[in-house]
C-alpha atoms as a PDB file:
ATOM      1  CA  UNK A   1    -123.383 113.949 147.063  1.00  0.00           C
ATOM      2  CA  UNK A   2    -120.437 116.048 148.196  1.00  0.00           C
ATOM      3  CA  UNK A   3    -119.658 118.746 145.647  1.00  0.00           C
ATOM      4  CA  UNK A   4    -116.032 117.672 145.282  1.00  0.00           C
ATOM      5  CA  UNK A   5    -117.100 114.103 144.499  1.00  0.00           C
ATOM      6  CA  UNK A   6    -119.344 115.287 141.668  1.00  0.00           C
ATOM      7  CA  UNK A   7    -116.606 117.424 140.151  1.00  0.00           C
ATOM      8  CA  UNK A   8    -114.026 114.676 140.535  1.00  0.00           C
ATOM      9  CA  UNK A   9    -116.325 112.116 138.913  1.00  0.00           C
ATOM     10  CA  UNK A  10    -116.809 114.431 135.932  1.00  0.00           C
ATOM     11  CA  UNK A  11    -113.041 114.708 135.655  1.00  0.00           C
ATOM     12  CA  UNK A  12    -112.636 110.931 135.845  1.00  0.00           C
ATOM     13  CA  UNK A  13    -115.237 110.322 133.124  1.00  0.00           C
ATOM     14  CA  UNK A  14    -113.498 112.817 130.826  1.00  0.00           C
ATOM     15  CA  UNK A  15    -110.070 111.188 131.273  1.00  0.00           C
ATOM     16  CA  UNK A  16    -111.441 107.645 131.007  1.00  0.00           C
ATOM     17  CA  UNK A  17    -113.297 108.382 127.788  1.00  0.00           C
ATOM     18  CA  UNK A  18    -110.444 110.211 126.076  1.00  0.00           C
ATOM     19  CA  UNK A  19    -107.761 107.972 127.601  1.00  0.00           C
ATOM     20  CA  UNK A  20    -105.667 111.103 127.810  1.00  0.00           C
ATOM     21  CA  UNK A  21    -105.079 113.689 130.535  1.00  0.00           C
ATOM     22  CA  UNK A  22    -104.066 116.253 127.910  1.00  0.00           C
ATOM     23  CA  UNK A  23    -107.249 115.943 125.838  1.00  0.00           C
ATOM     24  CA  UNK A  24    -109.509 115.804 128.886  1.00  0.00           C
ATOM     25  CA  UNK A  25    -107.820 118.842 130.454  1.00  0.00           C
ATOM     26  CA  UNK A  26    -108.370 120.838 127.253  1.00  0.00           C
ATOM     27  CA  UNK A  27    -112.078 119.930 127.203  1.00  0.00           C
ATOM     28  CA  UNK A  28    -112.529 120.751 130.881  1.00  0.00           C
ATOM     29  CA  UNK A  29    -110.565 123.979 130.685  1.00  0.00           C
ATOM     30  CA  UNK A  30    -108.035 123.060 133.374  1.00  0.00           C
ATOM     31  CA  UNK A  31    -104.323 122.314 133.418  1.00  0.00           C
ATOM     32  CA  UNK A  32    -103.051 118.765 132.996  1.00  0.00           C
ATOM     33  CA  UNK A  33    -101.344 118.860 136.383  1.00  0.00           C
ATOM     34  CA  UNK A  34    -104.527 120.081 138.108  1.00  0.00           C
ATOM     35  CA  UNK A  35    -106.535 117.301 136.484  1.00  0.00           C
ATOM     36  CA  UNK A  36    -103.981 114.692 137.525  1.00  0.00           C
ATOM     37  CA  UNK A  37    -104.118 116.017 141.098  1.00  0.00           C
ATOM     38  CA  UNK A  38    -107.936 115.789 141.065  1.00  0.00           C
ATOM     39  CA  UNK A  39    -107.860 112.144 139.990  1.00  0.00           C
ATOM     40  CA  UNK A  40    -105.260 111.227 142.615  1.00  0.00           C
ATOM     41  CA  UNK A  41    -107.457 112.792 145.309  1.00  0.00           C
ATOM     42  CA  UNK A  42    -110.486 110.842 144.066  1.00  0.00           C
ATOM     43  CA  UNK A  43    -108.555 107.566 144.141  1.00  0.00           C
ATOM     44  CA  UNK A  44    -107.280 108.365 147.612  1.00  0.00           C
ATOM     45  CA  UNK A  45    -110.793 109.043 148.944  1.00  0.00           C
ATOM     46  CA  UNK A  46    -112.153 105.849 147.377  1.00  0.00           C
ATOM     47  CA  UNK A  47    -109.137 103.827 148.432  1.00  0.00           C
ATOM     48  CA  UNK A  48    -108.812 102.163 145.024  1.00  0.00           C
ATOM     49  CA  UNK A  49    -106.923 102.808 141.807  1.00  0.00           C
ATOM     50  CA  UNK A  50    -109.158 103.828 138.893  1.00  0.00           C
ATOM     51  CA  UNK A  51    -106.591 104.554 136.197  1.00  0.00           C
ATOM     52  CA  UNK A  52    -103.397 102.923 135.022  1.00  0.00           C
ATOM     53  CA  UNK A  53    -100.940 105.574 133.889  1.00  0.00           C
ATOM     54  CA  UNK A  54     -97.838 105.139 131.745  1.00  0.00           C
ATOM     55  CA  UNK A  55     -95.711 107.692 129.933  1.00  0.00           C
ATOM     56  CA  UNK A  56     -97.577 106.848 126.707  1.00  0.00           C
ATOM     57  CA  UNK A  57    -101.131 105.951 127.669  1.00  0.00           C
ATOM     58  CA  UNK A  58    -103.929 106.051 130.201  1.00  0.00           C
ATOM     59  CA  UNK A  59    -106.383 103.180 130.712  1.00  0.00           C
ATOM     60  CA  UNK A  60    -109.038 102.260 133.248  1.00  0.00           C
ATOM     61  CA  UNK A  61    -108.494  99.550 135.835  1.00  0.00           C
ATOM     62  CA  UNK A  62    -111.220  96.986 136.450  1.00  0.00           C
ATOM     63  CA  UNK A  63    -112.680  99.259 139.126  1.00  0.00           C
ATOM     64  CA  UNK A  64    -112.352 102.287 136.859  1.00  0.00           C
ATOM     65  CA  UNK A  65    -114.081 100.492 134.006  1.00  0.00           C
ATOM     66  CA  UNK A  66    -116.959  99.579 136.322  1.00  0.00           C
ATOM     67  CA  UNK A  67    -117.260 103.176 137.553  1.00  0.00           C
ATOM     68  CA  UNK A  68    -117.252 104.535 133.997  1.00  0.00           C
ATOM     69  CA  UNK A  69    -120.038 102.166 132.938  1.00  0.00           C
ATOM     70  CA  UNK A  70    -122.028 103.018 136.068  1.00  0.00           C
ATOM     71  CA  UNK A  71    -121.866 106.818 136.110  1.00  0.00           C
ATOM     72  CA  UNK A  72    -120.871 107.793 132.574  1.00  0.00           C
ATOM     73  CA  UNK A  73    -124.296 107.385 130.979  1.00  0.00           C
ATOM     74  CA  UNK A  74    -125.932 109.210 133.878  1.00  0.00           C
ATOM     75  CA  UNK A  75    -123.930 112.329 133.149  1.00  0.00           C
ATOM     76  CA  UNK A  76    -125.007 111.992 129.509  1.00  0.00           C
ATOM     77  CA  UNK A  77    -128.639 111.817 130.630  1.00  0.00           C
ATOM     78  CA  UNK A  78    -128.210 114.968 132.711  1.00  0.00           C
ATOM     79  CA  UNK A  79    -126.615 116.788 129.778  1.00  0.00           C
ATOM     80  CA  UNK A  80    -129.411 115.644 127.470  1.00  0.00           C
ATOM     81  CA  UNK A  81    -132.043 116.960 129.872  1.00  0.00           C
ATOM     82  CA  UNK A  82    -130.259 120.289 130.119  1.00  0.00           C
ATOM     83  CA  UNK A  83    -130.188 120.460 126.318  1.00  0.00           C
ATOM     84  CA  UNK A  84    -133.935 119.838 126.219  1.00  0.00           C
ATOM     85  CA  UNK A  85    -134.498 122.851 128.446  1.00  0.00           C
ATOM     86  CA  UNK A  86    -133.341 125.005 125.534  1.00  0.00           C
ATOM     87  CA  UNK A  87    -136.655 124.151 123.864  1.00  0.00           C
ATOM     88  CA  UNK A  88    -138.261 126.549 126.338  1.00  0.00           C
ATOM     89  CA  UNK A  89    -136.228 129.439 124.978  1.00  0.00           C
ATOM     90  CA  UNK A  90    -137.517 131.771 122.290  1.00  0.00           C
ATOM     91  CA  UNK A  91    -134.632 130.772 120.032  1.00  0.00           C
ATOM     92  CA  UNK A  92    -132.513 127.589 119.781  1.00  0.00           C
ATOM     93  CA  UNK A  93    -129.422 127.521 121.974  1.00  0.00           C
ATOM     94  CA  UNK A  94    -126.631 125.073 122.692  1.00  0.00           C
ATOM     95  CA  UNK A  95    -123.297 123.711 121.532  1.00  0.00           C
ATOM     96  CA  UNK A  96    -123.031 121.217 118.662  1.00  0.00           C
ATOM     97  CA  UNK A  97    -119.816 119.192 118.201  1.00  0.00           C
ATOM     98  CA  UNK A  98    -119.014 117.874 114.718  1.00  0.00           C
ATOM     99  CA  UNK A  99    -116.009 115.971 113.397  1.00  0.00           C
ATOM    100  CA  UNK A 100    -115.166 116.424 109.712  1.00  0.00           C
ATOM    101  CA  UNK A 101    -112.307 116.546 107.241  1.00  0.00           C
ATOM    102  CA  UNK A 102    -110.632 119.791 106.272  1.00  0.00           C
ATOM    103  CA  UNK A 103    -112.136 119.971 102.788  1.00  0.00           C
ATOM    104  CA  UNK A 104    -115.645 119.097 104.009  1.00  0.00           C
ATOM    105  CA  UNK A 105    -115.378 121.899 106.543  1.00  0.00           C
ATOM    106  CA  UNK A 106    -114.119 124.490 104.073  1.00  0.00           C
ATOM    107  CA  UNK A 107    -116.339 123.576 101.138  1.00  0.00           C
ATOM    108  CA  UNK A 108    -119.605 122.625 102.863  1.00  0.00           C
ATOM    109  CA  UNK A 109    -119.872 123.311 106.596  1.00  0.00           C
ATOM    110  CA  UNK A 110    -118.543 126.857 106.810  1.00  0.00           C
ATOM    111  CA  UNK A 111    -120.370 128.278 103.751  1.00  0.00           C
ATOM    112  CA  UNK A 112    -123.711 126.882 104.925  1.00  0.00           C
ATOM    113  CA  UNK A 113    -123.299 127.708 108.609  1.00  0.00           C
ATOM    114  CA  UNK A 114    -122.294 131.267 107.702  1.00  0.00           C
ATOM    115  CA  UNK A 115    -125.840 131.832 106.415  1.00  0.00           C
ATOM    116  CA  UNK A 116    -127.480 130.678 109.646  1.00  0.00           C
ATOM    117  CA  UNK A 117    -125.321 131.226 112.726  1.00  0.00           C
ATOM    118  CA  UNK A 118    -125.410 135.056 112.649  1.00  0.00           C
ATOM    119  CA  UNK A 119    -129.181 134.810 113.223  1.00  0.00           C
ATOM    120  CA  UNK A 120    -128.819 132.473 116.208  1.00  0.00           C
ATOM    121  CA  UNK A 121    -126.161 133.886 118.545  1.00  0.00           C
ATOM    122  CA  UNK A 122    -126.911 131.312 121.261  1.00  0.00           C
ATOM    123  CA  UNK A 123    -126.026 128.379 118.988  1.00  0.00           C
ATOM    124  CA  UNK A 124    -122.340 127.473 118.827  1.00  0.00           C
ATOM    125  CA  UNK A 125    -120.724 124.837 116.628  1.00  0.00           C
ATOM    126  CA  UNK A 126    -117.401 123.180 117.432  1.00  0.00           C
ATOM    127  CA  UNK A 127    -115.784 121.523 114.414  1.00  0.00           C
ATOM    128  CA  UNK A 128    -112.871 119.146 114.961  1.00  0.00           C
ATOM    129  CA  UNK A 129    -110.777 118.315 111.892  1.00  0.00           C
ATOM    130  CA  UNK A 130    -110.141 114.571 111.854  1.00  0.00           C
ATOM    131  CA  UNK A 131    -109.523 112.110 109.010  1.00  0.00           C
ATOM    132  CA  UNK A 132    -109.990 109.049 111.194  1.00  0.00           C
ATOM    133  CA  UNK A 133    -113.113 106.907 111.137  1.00  0.00           C
ATOM    134  CA  UNK A 134    -113.737 107.494 114.822  1.00  0.00           C
ATOM    135  CA  UNK A 135    -116.654 106.391 116.972  1.00  0.00           C
ATOM    136  CA  UNK A 136    -118.601 109.635 117.392  1.00  0.00           C
ATOM    137  CA  UNK A 137    -120.647 108.213 120.264  1.00  0.00           C
ATOM    138  CA  UNK A 138    -117.560 107.172 122.225  1.00  0.00           C
ATOM    139  CA  UNK A 139    -115.855 110.498 121.513  1.00  0.00           C
ATOM    140  CA  UNK A 140    -119.011 112.422 122.416  1.00  0.00           C
ATOM    141  CA  UNK A 141    -119.577 114.170 119.113  1.00  0.00           C
ATOM    142  CA  UNK A 142    -123.103 115.128 118.139  1.00  0.00           C
ATOM    143  CA  UNK A 143    -122.423 114.296 114.492  1.00  0.00           C
ATOM    144  CA  UNK A 144    -119.730 113.508 111.973  1.00  0.00           C
ATOM    145  CA  UNK A 145    -119.175 114.022 108.258  1.00  0.00           C
ATOM    146  CA  UNK A 146    -118.199 111.211 105.884  1.00  0.00           C
ATOM    147  CA  UNK A 147    -118.795 110.127 102.332  1.00  0.00           C
ATOM    148  CA  UNK A 148    -122.116 108.313 102.058  1.00  0.00           C
ATOM    149  CA  UNK A 149    -120.507 104.892 101.524  1.00  0.00           C
ATOM    150  CA  UNK A 150    -118.563 105.226 104.784  1.00  0.00           C
ATOM    151  CA  UNK A 151    -121.547 105.827 107.077  1.00  0.00           C
ATOM    152  CA  UNK A 152    -122.421 102.885 109.332  1.00  0.00           C
ATOM    153  CA  UNK A 153    -125.833 101.314 108.795  1.00  0.00           C
ATOM    154  CA  UNK A 154    -127.015 102.075 112.330  1.00  0.00           C
ATOM    155  CA  UNK A 155    -126.546 105.817 111.842  1.00  0.00           C
ATOM    156  CA  UNK A 156    -128.926 108.404 110.433  1.00  0.00           C
ATOM    157  CA  UNK A 157    -127.316 109.960 107.357  1.00  0.00           C
ATOM    158  CA  UNK A 158    -128.275 113.321 105.859  1.00  0.00           C
ATOM    159  CA  UNK A 159    -126.772 114.301 102.512  1.00  0.00           C
ATOM    160  CA  UNK A 160    -125.079 117.691 102.734  1.00  0.00           C
ATOM    161  CA  UNK A 161    -123.251 117.862  99.374  1.00  0.00           C
ATOM    162  CA  UNK A 162    -123.520 116.697  95.777  1.00  0.00           C
ATOM    163  CA  UNK A 163    -121.755 113.606  94.446  1.00  0.00           C
ATOM    164  CA  UNK A 164    -117.989 114.033  94.328  1.00  0.00           C
ATOM    165  CA  UNK A 165    -114.824 112.178  93.447  1.00  0.00           C
ATOM    166  CA  UNK A 166    -111.120 112.074  94.151  1.00  0.00           C
ATOM    167  CA  UNK A 167    -108.332 113.270  91.853  1.00  0.00           C
ATOM    168  CA  UNK A 168    -104.744 112.121  91.332  1.00  0.00           C
ATOM    169  CA  UNK A 169    -102.633 115.221  90.672  1.00  0.00           C
ATOM    170  CA  UNK A 170     -99.059 116.431  90.420  1.00  0.00           C
ATOM    171  CA  UNK A 171     -97.298 119.546  89.183  1.00  0.00           C
ATOM    172  CA  UNK A 172     -96.178 119.694  85.519  1.00  0.00           C
ATOM    173  CA  UNK A 173     -92.603 119.996  86.803  1.00  0.00           C
ATOM    174  CA  UNK A 174     -92.945 116.605  88.497  1.00  0.00           C
ATOM    175  CA  UNK A 175     -94.066 114.870  85.299  1.00  0.00           C
ATOM    176  CA  UNK A 176     -91.401 116.678  83.267  1.00  0.00           C
ATOM    177  CA  UNK A 177     -88.907 113.944  84.207  1.00  0.00           C
ATOM    178  CA  UNK A 178     -91.316 111.052  84.827  1.00  0.00           C
ATOM    179  CA  UNK A 179     -93.878 109.196  82.777  1.00  0.00           C
ATOM    180  CA  UNK A 180     -97.436 109.785  84.079  1.00  0.00           C
ATOM    181  CA  UNK A 181     -99.079 106.623  85.463  1.00  0.00           C
ATOM    182  CA  UNK A 182    -101.386 104.832  83.012  1.00  0.00           C
ATOM    183  CA  UNK A 183    -102.970 102.554  85.611  1.00  0.00           C
ATOM    184  CA  UNK A 184    -103.196 102.681  89.420  1.00  0.00           C
ATOM    185  CA  UNK A 185    -100.486 100.033  89.872  1.00  0.00           C
ATOM    186  CA  UNK A 186     -97.995 102.394  88.197  1.00  0.00           C
ATOM    187  CA  UNK A 187     -98.213 104.659  91.255  1.00  0.00           C
ATOM    188  CA  UNK A 188     -95.951 102.275  93.158  1.00  0.00           C
ATOM    189  CA  UNK A 189     -93.017 103.624  91.085  1.00  0.00           C
ATOM    190  CA  UNK A 190     -93.867 107.260  91.861  1.00  0.00           C
ATOM    191  CA  UNK A 191     -93.087 109.580  94.745  1.00  0.00           C
ATOM    192  CA  UNK A 192     -96.552 109.767  96.297  1.00  0.00           C
ATOM    193  CA  UNK A 193     -97.675 112.139  99.035  1.00  0.00           C
ATOM    194  CA  UNK A 194     -99.368 110.130 101.759  1.00  0.00           C
ATOM    195  CA  UNK A 195    -102.137 110.900 104.240  1.00  0.00           C
ATOM    196  CA  UNK A 196    -101.707 109.580 107.771  1.00  0.00           C
ATOM    197  CA  UNK A 197    -104.886 108.164 109.310  1.00  0.00           C
ATOM    198  CA  UNK A 198    -104.993 108.897 113.059  1.00  0.00           C
ATOM    199  CA  UNK A 199    -107.454 106.082 113.783  1.00  0.00           C
ATOM    200  CA  UNK A 200    -105.175 103.295 112.604  1.00  0.00           C
ATOM    201  CA  UNK A 201    -101.814 105.035 112.624  1.00  0.00           C
ATOM    202  CA  UNK A 202    -101.207 103.819 109.084  1.00  0.00           C
ATOM    203  CA  UNK A 203    -101.417 105.651 105.776  1.00  0.00           C
ATOM    204  CA  UNK A 204    -104.456 105.824 103.549  1.00  0.00           C
ATOM    205  CA  UNK A 205    -104.671 103.258 100.740  1.00  0.00           C
ATOM    206  CA  UNK A 206    -105.686 105.032  97.524  1.00  0.00           C
ATOM    207  CA  UNK A 207    -109.019 103.652  96.327  1.00  0.00           C
ATOM    208  CA  UNK A 208    -109.761 103.264  92.609  1.00  0.00           C
ATOM    209  CA  UNK A 209    -112.630 101.878  90.589  1.00  0.00           C
ATOM    210  CA  UNK A 210    -113.226 101.338  86.886  1.00  0.00           C
ATOM    211  CA  UNK A 211    -116.274  99.418  85.760  1.00  0.00           C
ATOM    212  CA  UNK A 212    -116.457  96.382  88.010  1.00  0.00           C
ATOM    213  CA  UNK A 213    -112.805  96.570  88.972  1.00  0.00           C
ATOM    214  CA  UNK A 214    -111.848  97.983  92.354  1.00  0.00           C
ATOM    215  CA  UNK A 215    -108.274  98.509  93.521  1.00  0.00           C
ATOM    216  CA  UNK A 216    -106.697  99.718  96.740  1.00  0.00           C
ATOM    217  CA  UNK A 217    -103.132 100.827  96.142  1.00  0.00           C
ATOM    218  CA  UNK A 218    -100.675 101.332  99.008  1.00  0.00           C
ATOM    219  CA  UNK A 219     -98.308 104.003  97.762  1.00  0.00           C
ATOM    220  CA  UNK A 220     -94.996 105.241  99.078  1.00  0.00           C
ATOM    221  CA  UNK A 221     -93.109 108.516  99.003  1.00  0.00           C
ATOM    222  CA  UNK A 222     -90.986 111.021 100.868  1.00  0.00           C
ATOM    223  CA  UNK A 223     -93.819 113.028 102.417  1.00  0.00           C
ATOM    224  CA  UNK A 224     -96.649 112.128 104.774  1.00  0.00           C
ATOM    225  CA  UNK A 225     -99.215 114.628 106.111  1.00  0.00           C
ATOM    226  CA  UNK A 226    -102.373 114.552 108.207  1.00  0.00           C
ATOM    227  CA  UNK A 227    -103.899 117.400 106.183  1.00  0.00           C
ATOM    228  CA  UNK A 228    -105.118 117.505 102.581  1.00  0.00           C
ATOM    229  CA  UNK A 229    -104.173 121.185 102.355  1.00  0.00           C
ATOM    230  CA  UNK A 230    -100.520 120.379 102.960  1.00  0.00           C
ATOM    231  CA  UNK A 231    -100.687 117.486 100.503  1.00  0.00           C
ATOM    232  CA  UNK A 232    -101.878 119.913  97.821  1.00  0.00           C
ATOM    233  CA  UNK A 233     -99.220 122.483  98.741  1.00  0.00           C
ATOM    234  CA  UNK A 234     -96.531 119.811  98.410  1.00  0.00           C
ATOM    235  CA  UNK A 235     -97.909 118.709  95.028  1.00  0.00           C
ATOM    236  CA  UNK A 236     -97.894 122.320  93.795  1.00  0.00           C
ATOM    237  CA  UNK A 237     -94.181 122.469  94.627  1.00  0.00           C
ATOM    238  CA  UNK A 238     -93.474 119.419  92.471  1.00  0.00           C
ATOM    239  CA  UNK A 239     -92.732 117.158  95.424  1.00  0.00           C
ATOM    240  CA  UNK A 240     -94.913 114.257  94.361  1.00  0.00           C
ATOM    241  CA  UNK A 241     -98.313 112.874  93.389  1.00  0.00           C
ATOM    242  CA  UNK A 242    -101.329 113.569  95.622  1.00  0.00           C
ATOM    243  CA  UNK A 243    -104.744 111.908  95.919  1.00  0.00           C
ATOM    244  CA  UNK A 244    -107.223 114.549  97.092  1.00  0.00           C
ATOM    245  CA  UNK A 245    -110.866 115.638  96.628  1.00  0.00           C
ATOM    246  CA  UNK A 246    -111.445 116.945  93.117  1.00  0.00           C
ATOM    247  CA  UNK A 247    -113.095 120.128  94.354  1.00  0.00           C
ATOM    248  CA  UNK A 248    -110.026 121.042  96.388  1.00  0.00           C
ATOM    249  CA  UNK A 249    -107.808 121.263  93.290  1.00  0.00           C
ATOM    250  CA  UNK A 250    -110.194 122.474  90.581  1.00  0.00           C
ATOM    251  CA  UNK A 251    -108.697 125.969  90.470  1.00  0.00           C
ATOM    252  CA  UNK A 252    -105.177 124.584  90.124  1.00  0.00           C
ATOM    253  CA  UNK A 253    -106.244 122.294  87.298  1.00  0.00           C
ATOM    254  CA  UNK A 254    -107.886 125.206  85.454  1.00  0.00           C
ATOM    255  CA  UNK A 255    -104.691 127.265  85.661  1.00  0.00           C
ATOM    256  CA  UNK A 256    -102.455 124.282  84.761  1.00  0.00           C
ATOM    257  CA  UNK A 257    -100.628 124.485  88.079  1.00  0.00           C
ATOM    258  CA  UNK A 258    -101.500 120.828  88.534  1.00  0.00           C
ATOM    259  CA  UNK A 259    -101.899 117.987  86.052  1.00  0.00           C
ATOM    260  CA  UNK A 260    -104.492 115.266  86.539  1.00  0.00           C
ATOM    261  CA  UNK A 261    -103.933 111.581  85.796  1.00  0.00           C
ATOM    262  CA  UNK A 262    -105.968 108.369  86.124  1.00  0.00           C
ATOM    263  CA  UNK A 263    -109.220 110.339  85.879  1.00  0.00           C
ATOM    264  CA  UNK A 264    -111.022 107.316  84.420  1.00  0.00           C
ATOM    265  CA  UNK A 265    -110.204 105.388  87.613  1.00  0.00           C
ATOM    266  CA  UNK A 266    -111.876 107.979  89.868  1.00  0.00           C
ATOM    267  CA  UNK A 267    -115.690 107.592  89.652  1.00  0.00           C
ATOM    268  CA  UNK A 268    -118.185 109.758  91.491  1.00  0.00           C
ATOM    269  CA  UNK A 269    -119.274 108.714  94.974  1.00  0.00           C
ATOM    270  CA  UNK A 270    -122.275 109.778  97.013  1.00  0.00           C
ATOM    271  CA  UNK A 271    -120.754 112.945  98.467  1.00  0.00           C
ATOM    272  CA  UNK A 272    -120.557 114.167 102.041  1.00  0.00           C
ATOM    273  CA  UNK A 273    -123.220 113.120 104.548  1.00  0.00           C
ATOM    274  CA  UNK A 274    -123.811 114.321 108.077  1.00  0.00           C
ATOM    275  CA  UNK A 275    -124.398 111.299 110.304  1.00  0.00           C
ATOM    276  CA  UNK A 276    -125.479 110.811 113.894  1.00  0.00           C
ATOM    277  CA  UNK A 277    -126.889 108.046 116.154  1.00  0.00           C
ATOM    278  CA  UNK A 278    -130.496 107.062 115.532  1.00  0.00           C
ATOM    279  CA  UNK A 279    -131.189 107.227 119.268  1.00  0.00           C
ATOM    280  CA  UNK A 280    -129.963 110.812 119.586  1.00  0.00           C
ATOM    281  CA  UNK A 281    -132.541 113.194 121.079  1.00  0.00           C
ATOM    282  CA  UNK A 282    -132.756 116.108 118.658  1.00  0.00           C
ATOM    283  CA  UNK A 283    -132.536 119.515 120.324  1.00  0.00           C
ATOM    284  CA  UNK A 284    -133.743 122.649 118.494  1.00  0.00           C
ATOM    285  CA  UNK A 285    -130.114 123.732 118.056  1.00  0.00           C
ATOM    286  CA  UNK A 286    -129.126 120.399 116.520  1.00  0.00           C
ATOM    287  CA  UNK A 287    -132.191 120.366 114.264  1.00  0.00           C
ATOM    288  CA  UNK A 288    -131.298 123.881 113.117  1.00  0.00           C
ATOM    289  CA  UNK A 289    -127.752 122.847 112.184  1.00  0.00           C
ATOM    290  CA  UNK A 290    -128.914 119.703 110.376  1.00  0.00           C
ATOM    291  CA  UNK A 291    -131.432 121.670 108.333  1.00  0.00           C
ATOM    292  CA  UNK A 292    -128.860 124.339 107.507  1.00  0.00           C
ATOM    293  CA  UNK A 293    -126.406 121.732 106.218  1.00  0.00           C
ATOM    294  CA  UNK A 294    -128.956 119.636 104.310  1.00  0.00           C
ATOM    295  CA  UNK A 295    -128.199 119.338 100.575  1.00  0.00           C
ATOM    296  CA  UNK A 296    -130.703 120.992  98.289  1.00  0.00           C
ATOM    297  CA  UNK A 297    -130.320 120.763  94.524  1.00  0.00           C
END
């Protein structure tokens, strides 16, 4: 195979999978314009259009879809074989890509990885902050982090944290002029701070449970974020009610900077789990990371 064809095919697979020149260019370490030029040259050599481009999106044509299905998995096989070669090294080596939420990263991933990574300089971990329930196989992540109840049945799940729960909080100054909610439905009359879910484009419905009763409440308010940290910062400034992981606001509750409500509607769930496909070939580097993150009482 001509060298330029191989490089151009790699570029095509990256764009087709991400459906974005910008994201693919960042992963490949090239400019968006250079990547676009590469794909135009490939289409010209093949004499057929592979991608449909608009100002808002990129999608594969019928021919492009066929090419992606044909060559995409072969590149994955090559990468997997290269990863297996690391087993011949004295120490594990390789790059592990994980998608997780902000709080999971700060409270679980970083503290545990900090104890291991300094001893294995050839192992690198890329953590992408994302609140969406994405397909980690399609997006080419090695693993993801979700609450246990959210992990798909066909995935291997490894507990990495103790049981945890959510908390409904606001600053005392916010409740100074408003009656605290007594039941989840009361939140519809409050100025709630929303979390935008990138997967669906909508906002997160706050989930409550008490006994056998389960409620999903769609709240409204003046502020919407895609980060729990900013939701907490807004709540601290008295700008509304936030629904965030309990552990993320414990210190503010202890110092009375935030007030908690509806605690009896926020039961414990099965904590954060690392999950990955059952068919994934485990490299020494991946096994090292999984073991480092594993929850131990």
